[in-house]
PDB file of N, CA and C in Angstrom:
ATOM      1  N   MET A   1     259.715 155.498  -6.097  1.00  0.00           N
ATOM      2  CA  MET A   1     259.255 156.136  -5.360  1.00  0.00           C
ATOM      3  C   MET A   1     259.142 157.442  -6.225  1.00  0.00           C
ATOM      4  N   ALA A   2     258.096 157.951  -6.031  1.00  0.00           N
ATOM      5  CA  ALA A   2     257.596 159.069  -6.882  1.00  0.00           C
ATOM      6  C   ALA A   2     257.326 160.632  -6.028  1.00  0.00           C
ATOM      7  N   LEU A   3     257.697 161.720  -6.783  1.00  0.00           N
ATOM      8  CA  LEU A   3     257.157 162.861  -6.239  1.00  0.00           C
ATOM      9  C   LEU A   3     255.949 163.492  -6.281  1.00  0.00           C
ATOM     10  N   ILE A   4     254.931 163.930  -5.670  1.00  0.00           N
ATOM     11  CA  ILE A   4     254.156 164.676  -5.791  1.00  0.00           C
ATOM     12  C   ILE A   4     253.955 166.165  -5.221  1.00  0.00           C
ATOM     13  N   LYS A   5     253.104 166.890  -5.587  1.00  0.00           N
ATOM     14  CA  LYS A   5     253.216 168.203  -5.555  1.00  0.00           C
ATOM     15  C   LYS A   5     252.370 168.182  -3.918  1.00  0.00           C
ATOM     16  N   CYS A   6     253.054 169.301  -3.030  1.00  0.00           N
ATOM     17  CA  CYS A   6     252.439 169.354  -1.767  1.00  0.00           C
ATOM     18  C   CYS A   6     251.251 170.309  -2.166  1.00  0.00           C
ATOM     19  N   PRO A   7     249.574 170.195  -1.462  1.00  0.00           N
ATOM     20  CA  PRO A   7     249.032 171.174  -2.191  1.00  0.00           C
ATOM     21  C   PRO A   7     248.959 172.541  -1.353  1.00  0.00           C
ATOM     22  N   GLU A   8     249.139 172.219  -0.276  1.00  0.00           N
ATOM     23  CA  GLU A   8     249.646 173.551   0.612  1.00  0.00           C
ATOM     24  C   GLU A   8     251.318 174.335   0.187  1.00  0.00           C
ATOM     25  N   CYS A   9     252.235 174.103   0.232  1.00  0.00           N
ATOM     26  CA  CYS A   9     253.418 175.063  -0.536  1.00  0.00           C
ATOM     27  C   CYS A   9     253.872 174.838  -1.559  1.00  0.00           C
ATOM     28  N   GLN A  10     252.935 174.153  -2.572  1.00  0.00           N
ATOM     29  CA  GLN A  10     253.476 173.621  -4.372  1.00  0.00           C
ATOM     30  C   GLN A  10     254.775 173.041  -4.102  1.00  0.00           C
ATOM     31  N   SER A  11     255.697 172.347  -2.872  1.00  0.00           N
ATOM     32  CA  SER A  11     256.884 171.944  -3.188  1.00  0.00           C
ATOM     33  C   SER A  11     256.820 170.285  -3.358  1.00  0.00           C
ATOM     34  N   GLU A  12     258.344 169.997  -3.853  1.00  0.00           N
ATOM     35  CA  GLU A  12     257.785 168.599  -4.379  1.00  0.00           C
ATOM     36  C   GLU A  12     258.184 167.306  -3.326  1.00  0.00           C
ATOM     37  N   VAL A  13     257.079 166.486  -3.002  1.00  0.00           N
ATOM     38  CA  VAL A  13     257.712 165.888  -1.588  1.00  0.00           C
ATOM     39  C   VAL A  13     257.285 164.212  -2.450  1.00  0.00           C
ATOM     40  N   SER A  14     258.251 163.227  -1.410  1.00  0.00           N
ATOM     41  CA  SER A  14     258.480 162.190  -1.922  1.00  0.00           C
ATOM     42  C   SER A  14     256.647 160.867  -1.570  1.00  0.00           C
ATOM     43  N   ASP A  15     256.541 160.282  -2.256  1.00  0.00           N
ATOM     44  CA  ASP A  15     255.222 159.551  -2.137  1.00  0.00           C
ATOM     45  C   ASP A  15     254.540 158.821  -0.906  1.00  0.00           C
ATOM     46  N   GLN A  16     256.047 158.838  -0.548  1.00  0.00           N
ATOM     47  CA  GLN A  16     256.254 157.725   0.930  1.00  0.00           C
ATOM     48  C   GLN A  16     256.435 158.621   2.246  1.00  0.00           C
ATOM     49  N   ALA A  17     256.545 159.779   2.147  1.00  0.00           N
ATOM     50  CA  ALA A  17     256.501 160.688   3.207  1.00  0.00           C
ATOM     51  C   ALA A  17     254.711 160.755   3.948  1.00  0.00           C
ATOM     52  N   PRO A  18     255.024 160.924   4.956  1.00  0.00           N
ATOM     53  CA  PRO A  18     253.590 161.078   5.749  1.00  0.00           C
ATOM     54  C   PRO A  18     253.438 162.237   6.263  1.00  0.00           C
ATOM     55  N   THR A  19     254.107 162.987   5.415  1.00  0.00           N
ATOM     56  CA  THR A  19     253.245 165.017   6.056  1.00  0.00           C
ATOM     57  C   THR A  19     254.851 165.643   5.041  1.00  0.00           C
ATOM     58  N   CYS A  20     254.272 166.893   4.962  1.00  0.00           N
ATOM     59  CA  CYS A  20     255.175 167.230   3.609  1.00  0.00           C
ATOM     60  C   CYS A  20     256.719 167.730   4.873  1.00  0.00           C
ATOM     61  N   PRO A  21     257.832 167.577   4.389  1.00  0.00           N
ATOM     62  CA  PRO A  21     258.730 167.905   5.328  1.00  0.00           C
ATOM     63  C   PRO A  21     258.877 169.658   5.221  1.00  0.00           C
ATOM     64  N   LYS A  22     258.561 170.494   4.279  1.00  0.00           N
ATOM     65  CA  LYS A  22     258.721 172.112   4.472  1.00  0.00           C
ATOM     66  C   LYS A  22     257.578 172.418   5.355  1.00  0.00           C
ATOM     67  N   CYS A  23     256.521 172.071   4.725  1.00  0.00           N
ATOM     68  CA  CYS A  23     255.049 172.438   5.523  1.00  0.00           C
ATOM     69  C   CYS A  23     254.373 172.194   6.421  1.00  0.00           C
ATOM     70  N   GLY A  24     254.448 170.427   6.817  1.00  0.00           N
ATOM     71  CA  GLY A  24     253.754 169.785   7.430  1.00  0.00           C
ATOM     72  C   GLY A  24     252.700 169.238   7.514  1.00  0.00           C
ATOM     73  N   PHE A  25     252.054 169.264   6.092  1.00  0.00           N
ATOM     74  CA  PHE A  25     250.811 169.036   5.497  1.00  0.00           C
ATOM     75  C   PHE A  25     250.715 167.717   5.653  1.00  0.00           C
ATOM     76  N   PRO A  26     249.926 167.333   6.430  1.00  0.00           N
ATOM     77  CA  PRO A  26     249.582 165.595   6.491  1.00  0.00           C
ATOM     78  C   PRO A  26     249.581 165.147   5.318  1.00  0.00           C
ATOM     79  N   PHE A  27     249.449 163.690   4.886  1.00  0.00           N
ATOM     80  CA  PHE A  27     248.523 163.016   3.703  1.00  0.00           C
ATOM     81  C   PHE A  27     248.314 161.784   4.573  1.00  0.00           C
ATOM     82  N   LYS A  28     247.580 160.981   3.944  1.00  0.00           N
ATOM     83  CA  LYS A  28     246.866 159.808   4.124  1.00  0.00           C
ATOM     84  C   LYS A  28     247.291 158.224   2.912  1.00  0.00           C
ATOM     85  N   LYS A  29     246.867 157.707   3.619  1.00  0.00           N
ATOM     86  CA  LYS A  29     247.742 157.033   2.800  1.00  0.00           C
ATOM     87  C   LYS A  29     246.363 155.825   1.941  1.00  0.00           C
ATOM     88  N   GLU A  30     246.200 155.570   0.767  1.00  0.00           N
ATOM     89  CA  GLU A  30     244.664 154.976   0.013  1.00  0.00           C
ATOM     90  C   GLU A  30     245.187 153.960  -1.206  1.00  0.00           C
ATOM     91  N   PRO A  31     244.546 153.049  -1.209  1.00  0.00           N
ATOM     92  CA  PRO A  31     244.556 152.242  -1.944  1.00  0.00           C
ATOM     93  C   PRO A  31     244.913 152.238  -3.738  1.00  0.00           C
ATOM     94  N   SER A  32     245.756 152.628  -4.154  1.00  0.00           N
ATOM     95  CA  SER A  32     245.242 152.820  -5.798  1.00  0.00           C
ATOM     96  C   SER A  32     244.671 151.763  -6.245  1.00  0.00           C
ATOM     97  N   SER A  33     244.473 152.028  -7.740  1.00  0.00           N
ATOM     98  CA  SER A  33     243.381 150.902  -8.657  1.00  0.00           C
ATOM     99  C   SER A  33     244.406 149.892  -9.187  1.00  0.00           C
ATOM    100  N   SER A  34     245.755 149.980  -9.500  1.00  0.00           N
ATOM    101  CA  SER A  34     247.116 149.382  -9.347  1.00  0.00           C
ATOM    102  C   SER A  34     247.628 148.117  -8.443  1.00  0.00           C
ATOM    103  N   GLY A  35     246.841 148.370  -7.196  1.00  0.00           N
ATOM    104  CA  GLY A  35     246.510 147.272  -6.575  1.00  0.00           C
ATOM    105  C   GLY A  35     248.080 148.289  -5.263  1.00  0.00           C
ATOM    106  N   GLY A  36     248.858 149.635  -5.545  1.00  0.00           N
ATOM    107  CA  GLY A  36     249.653 149.833  -4.887  1.00  0.00           C
ATOM    108  C   GLY A  36     249.296 150.667  -3.767  1.00  0.00           C
ATOM    109  N   VAL A  37     249.460 151.254  -3.077  1.00  0.00           N
ATOM    110  CA  VAL A  37     249.470 152.528  -2.343  1.00  0.00           C
ATOM    111  C   VAL A  37     250.100 154.169  -2.698  1.00  0.00           C
ATOM    112  N   GLN A  38     248.862 154.765  -2.170  1.00  0.00           N
ATOM    113  CA  GLN A  38     249.090 156.305  -3.084  1.00  0.00           C
ATOM    114  C   GLN A  38     248.917 157.352  -2.084  1.00  0.00           C
ATOM    115  N   ARG A  39     249.450 158.079  -1.663  1.00  0.00           N
ATOM    116  CA  ARG A  39     249.579 159.304  -0.632  1.00  0.00           C
ATOM    117  C   ARG A  39     248.535 160.039  -1.383  1.00  0.00           C
ATOM    118  N   VAL A  40     247.177 160.573  -0.379  1.00  0.00           N
ATOM    119  CA  VAL A  40     246.297 161.283  -0.987  1.00  0.00           C
ATOM    120  C   VAL A  40     246.126 162.509   0.193  1.00  0.00           C
ATOM    121  N   VAL A  41     245.869 163.690  -0.373  1.00  0.00           N
ATOM    122  CA  VAL A  41     245.643 165.143   0.797  1.00  0.00           C
ATOM    123  C   VAL A  41     244.370 164.667   1.415  1.00  0.00           C
ATOM    124  N   VAL A  42     244.800 164.837   3.253  1.00  0.00           N
ATOM    125  CA  VAL A  42     243.517 164.833   4.136  1.00  0.00           C
ATOM    126  C   VAL A  42     242.838 166.085   3.780  1.00  0.00           C
ATOM    127  N   ASP A  43     241.269 165.804   3.319  1.00  0.00           N
ATOM    128  CA  ASP A  43     240.745 166.728   3.348  1.00  0.00           C
ATOM    129  C   ASP A  43     239.882 166.968   4.177  1.00  0.00           C
ATOM    130  N   GLN A  44     239.684 166.409   5.318  1.00  0.00           N
ATOM    131  CA  GLN A  44     239.540 167.111   6.319  1.00  0.00           C
ATOM    132  C   GLN A  44     240.226 168.549   7.041  1.00  0.00           C
ATOM    133  N   VAL A  45     241.473 168.393   7.445  1.00  0.00           N
ATOM    134  CA  VAL A  45     242.328 169.404   7.595  1.00  0.00           C
ATOM    135  C   VAL A  45     242.249 170.722   6.361  1.00  0.00           C
ATOM    136  N   LYS A  46     241.986 170.184   5.078  1.00  0.00           N
ATOM    137  CA  LYS A  46     242.212 171.577   4.156  1.00  0.00           C
ATOM    138  C   LYS A  46     240.505 172.228   4.445  1.00  0.00           C
ATOM    139  N   ASN A  47     239.416 171.497   4.941  1.00  0.00           N
ATOM    140  CA  ASN A  47     238.216 171.623   5.127  1.00  0.00           C
ATOM    141  C   ASN A  47     238.001 172.805   6.585  1.00  0.00           C
ATOM    142  N   VAL A  48     238.617 172.447   7.779  1.00  0.00           N
ATOM    143  CA  VAL A  48     238.729 173.168   8.835  1.00  0.00           C
ATOM    144  C   VAL A  48     239.698 174.295   8.588  1.00  0.00           C
ATOM    145  N   GLU A  49     240.848 174.019   7.407  1.00  0.00           N
ATOM    146  CA  GLU A  49     241.522 175.551   7.219  1.00  0.00           C
ATOM    147  C   GLU A  49     240.505 176.530   6.518  1.00  0.00           C
ATOM    148  N   LEU A  50     240.007 176.261   5.718  1.00  0.00           N
ATOM    149  CA  LEU A  50     238.558 177.309   4.946  1.00  0.00           C
ATOM    150  C   LEU A  50     237.899 177.456   5.865  1.00  0.00           C
ATOM    151  N   THR A  51     236.835 176.723   6.715  1.00  0.00           N
ATOM    152  CA  THR A  51     236.384 177.608   7.425  1.00  0.00           C
ATOM    153  C   THR A  51     236.819 178.529   8.624  1.00  0.00           C
ATOM    154  N   ASN A  52     238.137 178.390   8.771  1.00  0.00           N
ATOM    155  CA  ASN A  52     238.369 179.188   9.861  1.00  0.00           C
ATOM    156  C   ASN A  52     239.017 180.431   9.144  1.00  0.00           C
ATOM    157  N   LYS A  53     239.408 180.512   7.939  1.00  0.00           N
ATOM    158  CA  LYS A  53     239.646 181.863   7.210  1.00  0.00           C
ATOM    159  C   LYS A  53     237.922 182.658   6.937  1.00  0.00           C
ATOM    160  N   LYS A  54     236.978 182.199   6.954  1.00  0.00           N
ATOM    161  CA  LYS A  54     235.801 182.654   6.434  1.00  0.00           C
ATOM    162  C   LYS A  54     235.293 183.092   7.492  1.00  0.00           C
ATOM    163  N   TRP A  55     235.716 182.674   8.934  1.00  0.00           N
ATOM    164  CA  TRP A  55     235.204 183.240  10.133  1.00  0.00           C
ATOM    165  C   TRP A  55     236.262 184.648  10.706  1.00  0.00           C
ATOM    166  N   LYS A  56     237.697 184.408   9.959  1.00  0.00           N
ATOM    167  CA  LYS A  56     238.557 185.440  10.190  1.00  0.00           C
ATOM    168  C   LYS A  56     238.467 186.607   9.469  1.00  0.00           C
ATOM    169  N   ILE A  57     237.938 186.456   8.387  1.00  0.00           N
ATOM    170  CA  ILE A  57     237.452 187.425   7.383  1.00  0.00           C
ATOM    171  C   ILE A  57     236.391 188.162   7.865  1.00  0.00           C
ATOM    172  N   MET A  58     235.549 187.737   8.660  1.00  0.00           N
ATOM    173  CA  MET A  58     234.388 188.412   9.227  1.00  0.00           C
ATOM    174  C   MET A  58     234.859 188.754  10.356  1.00  0.00           C
ATOM    175  N   LYS A  59     235.997 188.639  11.092  1.00  0.00           N
ATOM    176  CA  LYS A  59     236.458 189.027  12.191  1.00  0.00           C
ATOM    177  C   LYS A  59     236.841 190.607  11.280  1.00  0.00           C
ATOM    178  N   LEU A  60     237.961 190.371  10.480  1.00  0.00           N
ATOM    179  CA  LEU A  60     238.439 191.340   9.837  1.00  0.00           C
ATOM    180  C   LEU A  60     237.699 192.732   9.282  1.00  0.00           C
ATOM    181  N   ILE A  61     236.049 192.222   8.730  1.00  0.00           N
ATOM    182  CA  ILE A  61     235.757 193.261   8.719  1.00  0.00           C
ATOM    183  C   ILE A  61     234.921 193.782   9.725  1.00  0.00           C
ATOM    184  N   PHE A  62     234.431 193.182  10.731  1.00  0.00           N
ATOM    185  CA  PHE A  62     233.444 193.633  11.447  1.00  0.00           C
ATOM    186  C   PHE A  62     234.164 194.496  12.490  1.00  0.00           C
ATOM    187  N   TRP A  63     235.505 194.080  13.047  1.00  0.00           N
ATOM    188  CA  TRP A  63     235.942 194.724  14.247  1.00  0.00           C
ATOM    189  C   TRP A  63     236.557 196.219  13.951  1.00  0.00           C
ATOM    190  N   PRO A  64     236.762 196.669  12.703  1.00  0.00           N
ATOM    191  CA  PRO A  64     237.064 198.241  11.897  1.00  0.00           C
ATOM    192  C   PRO A  64     235.543 198.659  12.098  1.00  0.00           C
ATOM    193  N   MET A  65     234.327 197.906  11.467  1.00  0.00           N
ATOM    194  CA  MET A  65     232.967 198.696  11.737  1.00  0.00           C
ATOM    195  C   MET A  65     232.508 198.941  12.667  1.00  0.00           C
ATOM    196  N   PHE A  66     232.978 198.248  14.137  1.00  0.00           N
ATOM    197  CA  PHE A  66     232.217 198.128  15.408  1.00  0.00           C
ATOM    198  C   PHE A  66     233.452 199.852  15.938  1.00  0.00           C
ATOM    199  N   LEU A  67     234.771 199.436  15.673  1.00  0.00           N
ATOM    200  CA  LEU A  67     235.611 200.713  16.127  1.00  0.00           C
ATOM    201  C   LEU A  67     235.293 202.383  15.291  1.00  0.00           C
ATOM    202  N   VAL A  68     235.012 201.872  14.138  1.00  0.00           N
ATOM    203  CA  VAL A  68     234.543 203.135  13.298  1.00  0.00           C
ATOM    204  C   VAL A  68     233.316 203.858  14.165  1.00  0.00           C
ATOM    205  N   GLY A  69     232.235 202.960  14.522  1.00  0.00           N
ATOM    206  CA  GLY A  69     231.332 203.090  14.900  1.00  0.00           C
ATOM    207  C   GLY A  69     231.162 203.866  16.529  1.00  0.00           C
ATOM    208  N   ILE A  70     232.218 203.337  17.255  1.00  0.00           N
ATOM    209  CA  ILE A  70     232.704 203.705  18.760  1.00  0.00           C
ATOM    210  C   ILE A  70     233.329 205.124  18.301  1.00  0.00           C
ATOM    211  N   PHE A  71     233.935 204.896  17.550  1.00  0.00           N
ATOM    212  CA  PHE A  71     234.632 206.334  17.370  1.00  0.00           C
ATOM    213  C   PHE A  71     233.955 207.368  17.023  1.00  0.00           C
ATOM    214  N   LEU A  72     233.054 207.676  15.865  1.00  0.00           N
ATOM    215  CA  LEU A  72     231.867 208.498  16.065  1.00  0.00           C
ATOM    216  C   LEU A  72     231.312 208.961  17.097  1.00  0.00           C
ATOM    217  N   CYS A  73     230.969 207.837  17.151  1.00  0.00           N
ATOM    218  CA  CYS A  73     229.943 208.190  18.948  1.00  0.00           C
ATOM    219  C   CYS A  73     230.564 208.870  19.885  1.00  0.00           C
ATOM    220  N   LEU A  74     231.926 208.336  19.945  1.00  0.00           N
ATOM    221  CA  LEU A  74     232.837 209.545  21.346  1.00  0.00           C
ATOM    222  C   LEU A  74     232.876 210.374  20.874  1.00  0.00           C
ATOM    223  N   SER A  75     232.926 210.622  19.383  1.00  0.00           N
ATOM    224  CA  SER A  75     233.959 212.437  19.166  1.00  0.00           C
ATOM    225  C   SER A  75     232.765 213.094  18.714  1.00  0.00           C
ATOM    226  N   VAL A  76     231.550 212.526  18.652  1.00  0.00           N
ATOM    227  CA  VAL A  76     230.119 213.513  18.668  1.00  0.00           C
ATOM    228  C   VAL A  76     229.810 213.802  20.087  1.00  0.00           C
ATOM    229  N   PHE A  77     230.013 212.718  21.036  1.00  0.00           N
ATOM    230  CA  PHE A  77     229.415 212.964  22.443  1.00  0.00           C
ATOM    231  C   PHE A  77     229.248 214.330  22.927  1.00  0.00           C
ATOM    232  N   PRO A  78     230.442 214.852  23.320  1.00  0.00           N
ATOM    233  CA  PRO A  78     230.834 216.264  23.627  1.00  0.00           C
ATOM    234  C   PRO A  78     230.083 217.306  23.530  1.00  0.00           C
ATOM    235  N   VAL A  79     229.746 217.073  21.891  1.00  0.00           N
ATOM    236  CA  VAL A  79     228.876 217.855  21.294  1.00  0.00           C
ATOM    237  C   VAL A  79     227.908 218.500  21.495  1.00  0.00           C
ATOM    238  N   ILE A  80     227.445 216.935  21.663  1.00  0.00           N
ATOM    239  CA  ILE A  80     225.604 216.805  22.472  1.00  0.00           C
ATOM    240  C   ILE A  80     225.423 216.918  23.535  1.00  0.00           C
ATOM    241  N   MET A  81     226.156 216.020  24.658  1.00  0.00           N
ATOM    242  CA  MET A  81     225.951 216.653  26.124  1.00  0.00           C
ATOM    243  C   MET A  81     226.503 217.847  26.394  1.00  0.00           C
ATOM    244  N   MET A  82     227.020 218.569  26.050  1.00  0.00           N
ATOM    245  CA  MET A  82     227.872 220.122  26.442  1.00  0.00           C
ATOM    246  C   MET A  82     226.732 221.208  25.698  1.00  0.00           C
ATOM    247  N   HIS A  83     225.489 221.079  25.410  1.00  0.00           N
ATOM    248  CA  HIS A  83     225.105 221.946  24.216  1.00  0.00           C
ATOM    249  C   HIS A  83     224.016 222.820  25.205  1.00  0.00           C
ATOM    250  N   LYS A  84     224.231 223.791  25.667  1.00  0.00           N
ATOM    251  CA  LYS A  84     222.851 225.300  25.662  1.00  0.00           C
ATOM    252  C   LYS A  84     221.403 224.717  25.515  1.00  0.00           C
ATOM    253  N   PRO A  85     220.619 224.388  26.591  1.00  0.00           N
ATOM    254  CA  PRO A  85     219.143 224.792  26.480  1.00  0.00           C
ATOM    255  C   PRO A  85     218.540 225.923  25.551  1.00  0.00           C
ATOM    256  N   GLY A  86     218.034 225.243  24.723  1.00  0.00           N
ATOM    257  CA  GLY A  86     217.684 226.789  23.868  1.00  0.00           C
ATOM    258  C   GLY A  86     218.252 226.903  22.169  1.00  0.00           C
ATOM    259  N   VAL A  87     219.861 226.119  22.404  1.00  0.00           N
ATOM    260  CA  VAL A  87     219.770 226.418  21.087  1.00  0.00           C
ATOM    261  C   VAL A  87     220.186 224.553  20.869  1.00  0.00           C
ATOM    262  N   SER A  88     219.990 225.120  19.609  1.00  0.00           N
ATOM    263  CA  SER A  88     219.924 223.492  18.673  1.00  0.00           C
ATOM    264  C   SER A  88     221.307 223.133  18.558  1.00  0.00           C
ATOM    265  N   ILE A  89     221.391 222.090  18.173  1.00  0.00           N
ATOM    266  CA  ILE A  89     222.379 221.329  17.599  1.00  0.00           C
ATOM    267  C   ILE A  89     222.488 220.925  16.572  1.00  0.00           C
ATOM    268  N   SER A  90     223.618 220.853  15.836  1.00  0.00           N
ATOM    269  CA  SER A  90     223.680 220.711  14.339  1.00  0.00           C
ATOM    270  C   SER A  90     223.452 219.932  14.077  1.00  0.00           C
ATOM    271  N   PRO A  91     222.600 219.683  12.697  1.00  0.00           N
ATOM    272  CA  PRO A  91     222.209 218.118  11.821  1.00  0.00           C
ATOM    273  C   PRO A  91     223.129 217.200  11.833  1.00  0.00           C
ATOM    274  N   ASN A  92     224.662 217.664  11.413  1.00  0.00           N
ATOM    275  CA  ASN A  92     225.656 217.045  10.984  1.00  0.00           C
ATOM    276  C   ASN A  92     225.944 215.961  12.635  1.00  0.00           C
ATOM    277  N   SER A  93     226.107 216.698  13.649  1.00  0.00           N
ATOM    278  CA  SER A  93     226.161 216.166  14.709  1.00  0.00           C
ATOM    279  C   SER A  93     225.589 214.702  14.798  1.00  0.00           C
ATOM    280  N   ILE A  94     224.254 215.152  14.755  1.00  0.00           N
ATOM    281  CA  ILE A  94     223.261 214.229  15.161  1.00  0.00           C
ATOM    282  C   ILE A  94     223.266 213.060  14.383  1.00  0.00           C
ATOM    283  N   THR A  95     223.352 213.414  13.156  1.00  0.00           N
ATOM    284  CA  THR A  95     223.688 212.264  11.918  1.00  0.00           C
ATOM    285  C   THR A  95     225.008 211.650  12.252  1.00  0.00           C
ATOM    286  N   ALA A  96     225.958 211.955  12.306  1.00  0.00           N
ATOM    287  CA  ALA A  96     227.056 211.390  12.720  1.00  0.00           C
ATOM    288  C   ALA A  96     226.654 210.125  13.914  1.00  0.00           C
ATOM    289  N   TRP A  97     226.028 211.136  15.179  1.00  0.00           N
ATOM    290  CA  TRP A  97     226.064 209.891  15.993  1.00  0.00           C
ATOM    291  C   TRP A  97     225.228 208.833  15.671  1.00  0.00           C
ATOM    292  N   GLY A  98     224.072 208.954  14.653  1.00  0.00           N
ATOM    293  CA  GLY A  98     223.049 208.222  14.547  1.00  0.00           C
ATOM    294  C   GLY A  98     224.078 206.834  13.291  1.00  0.00           C
ATOM    295  N   ILE A  99     224.983 207.575  12.965  1.00  0.00           N
ATOM    296  CA  ILE A  99     225.663 206.446  11.749  1.00  0.00           C
ATOM    297  C   ILE A  99     226.344 206.308  12.814  1.00  0.00           C
ATOM    298  N   GLY A 100     227.244 206.600  13.710  1.00  0.00           N
ATOM    299  CA  GLY A 100     228.076 205.800  14.510  1.00  0.00           C
ATOM    300  C   GLY A 100     227.468 204.879  15.789  1.00  0.00           C
ATOM    301  N   ILE A 101     226.554 204.929  15.505  1.00  0.00           N
ATOM    302  CA  ILE A 101     225.740 203.922  16.841  1.00  0.00           C
ATOM    303  C   ILE A 101     225.301 202.483  15.907  1.00  0.00           C
ATOM    304  N   PHE A 102     224.743 202.831  14.608  1.00  0.00           N
ATOM    305  CA  PHE A 102     224.379 201.835  13.737  1.00  0.00           C
ATOM    306  C   PHE A 102     225.894 201.324  13.360  1.00  0.00           C
ATOM    307  N   PHE A 103     226.972 202.139  13.040  1.00  0.00           N
ATOM    308  CA  PHE A 103     228.299 201.158  12.567  1.00  0.00           C
ATOM    309  C   PHE A 103     228.312 200.291  14.151  1.00  0.00           C
ATOM    310  N   ALA A 104     228.906 200.986  14.819  1.00  0.00           N
ATOM    311  CA  ALA A 104     229.166 199.896  16.440  1.00  0.00           C
ATOM    312  C   ALA A 104     228.328 198.954  16.570  1.00  0.00           C
ATOM    313  N   PHE A 105     226.820 199.282  16.762  1.00  0.00           N
ATOM    314  CA  PHE A 105     225.862 198.028  16.775  1.00  0.00           C
ATOM    315  C   PHE A 105     225.826 196.778  16.003  1.00  0.00           C
ATOM    316  N   ILE A 106     225.934 197.478  14.103  1.00  0.00           N
ATOM    317  CA  ILE A 106     226.154 196.050  13.487  1.00  0.00           C
ATOM    318  C   ILE A 106     227.523 195.693  13.287  1.00  0.00           C
ATOM    319  N   GLY A 107     228.850 196.067  13.526  1.00  0.00           N
ATOM    320  CA  GLY A 107     230.174 195.982  14.348  1.00  0.00           C
ATOM    321  C   GLY A 107     229.937 194.393  15.437  1.00  0.00           C
ATOM    322  N   LEU A 108     229.471 195.191  16.051  1.00  0.00           N
ATOM    323  CA  LEU A 108     229.276 194.212  17.485  1.00  0.00           C
ATOM    324  C   LEU A 108     228.504 192.953  17.192  1.00  0.00           C
ATOM    325  N   ILE A 109     227.565 192.951  16.419  1.00  0.00           N
ATOM    326  CA  ILE A 109     226.881 191.503  16.047  1.00  0.00           C
ATOM    327  C   ILE A 109     227.809 190.517  15.112  1.00  0.00           C
ATOM    328  N   GLY A 110     227.887 191.679  14.290  1.00  0.00           N
ATOM    329  CA  GLY A 110     229.641 190.697  13.053  1.00  0.00           C
ATOM    330  C   GLY A 110     230.539 190.408  13.884  1.00  0.00           C
ATOM    331  N   VAL A 111     230.787 190.962  14.808  1.00  0.00           N
ATOM    332  CA  VAL A 111     231.909 190.193  15.650  1.00  0.00           C
ATOM    333  C   VAL A 111     231.559 189.404  16.498  1.00  0.00           C
ATOM    334  N   LEU A 112     230.370 188.905  17.039  1.00  0.00           N
ATOM    335  CA  LEU A 112     229.643 187.972  17.509  1.00  0.00           C
ATOM    336  C   LEU A 112     229.715 187.271  17.487  1.00  0.00           C
ATOM    337  N   VAL A 113     228.989 187.240  16.159  1.00  0.00           N
ATOM    338  CA  VAL A 113     228.559 186.357  15.349  1.00  0.00           C
ATOM    339  C   VAL A 113     230.167 185.526  15.065  1.00  0.00           C
ATOM    340  N   ALA A 114     230.377 186.217  14.534  1.00  0.00           N
ATOM    341  CA  ALA A 114     232.211 185.082  13.827  1.00  0.00           C
ATOM    342  C   ALA A 114     233.189 184.560  15.075  1.00  0.00           C
ATOM    343  N   THR A 115     232.704 185.552  16.308  1.00  0.00           N
ATOM    344  CA  THR A 115     233.507 184.578  17.346  1.00  0.00           C
ATOM    345  C   THR A 115     232.813 183.583  17.732  1.00  0.00           C
ATOM    346  N   LEU A 116     231.055 183.301  17.923  1.00  0.00           N
ATOM    347  CA  LEU A 116     230.612 181.993  18.003  1.00  0.00           C
ATOM    348  C   LEU A 116     230.808 181.410  16.933  1.00  0.00           C
ATOM    349  N   GLY A 117     230.530 181.246  15.533  1.00  0.00           N
ATOM    350  CA  GLY A 117     231.045 180.757  14.355  1.00  0.00           C
ATOM    351  C   GLY A 117     232.363 180.124  14.256  1.00  0.00           C
ATOM    352  N   ALA A 118     233.256 180.918  14.775  1.00  0.00           N
ATOM    353  CA  ALA A 118     234.779 180.217  15.143  1.00  0.00           C
ATOM    354  C   ALA A 118     234.995 178.975  16.092  1.00  0.00           C
ATOM    355  N   TRP A 119     234.204 178.963  16.920  1.00  0.00           N
ATOM    356  CA  TRP A 119     234.145 178.350  18.192  1.00  0.00           C
ATOM    357  C   TRP A 119     233.083 177.342  18.013  1.00  0.00           C
ATOM    358  N   TRP A 120     232.025 177.460  17.403  1.00  0.00           N
ATOM    359  CA  TRP A 120     231.151 176.468  16.611  1.00  0.00           C
ATOM    360  C   TRP A 120     231.607 175.446  16.092  1.00  0.00           C
ATOM    361  N   HIS A 121     232.301 175.855  15.061  1.00  0.00           N
ATOM    362  CA  HIS A 121     233.143 174.878  13.939  1.00  0.00           C
ATOM    363  C   HIS A 121     234.351 174.301  14.711  1.00  0.00           C
ATOM    364  N   HIS A 122     235.032 174.490  15.737  1.00  0.00           N
ATOM    365  CA  HIS A 122     236.458 174.599  15.728  1.00  0.00           C
ATOM    366  C   HIS A 122     236.063 173.778  17.084  1.00  0.00           C
ATOM    367  N   ARG A 123     234.813 173.387  17.985  1.00  0.00           N
ATOM    368  CA  ARG A 123     234.977 172.836  19.597  1.00  0.00           C
ATOM    369  C   ARG A 123     234.687 171.138  19.067  1.00  0.00           C
TER     370      ARG A 123
END
């Protein structure tokens, strides 16, 4: 019986264990070149985890972008809607409105792509 390192939590685990007792990371049996049985990490589990992180990072980037865009649009909305005829609206208000719409649109598209991507890879 030998001890191997768990690739997930780095704790020492028996090579006979089907999973890590600390974190539950699964191992599988593969024949070694010496004729014995060797425990190897299940690669598929690691790939799914990395894919999941990619989509979570995308959501982490695009949700705040969407919310900032909505906040900008809502903060400038009263200024634009309450202006009197014949009085020009401040260029800063129009710029903030345009930036808000841009951020909200890009953020919404990003959130939708990340959500659909996570669904597609985990179905």
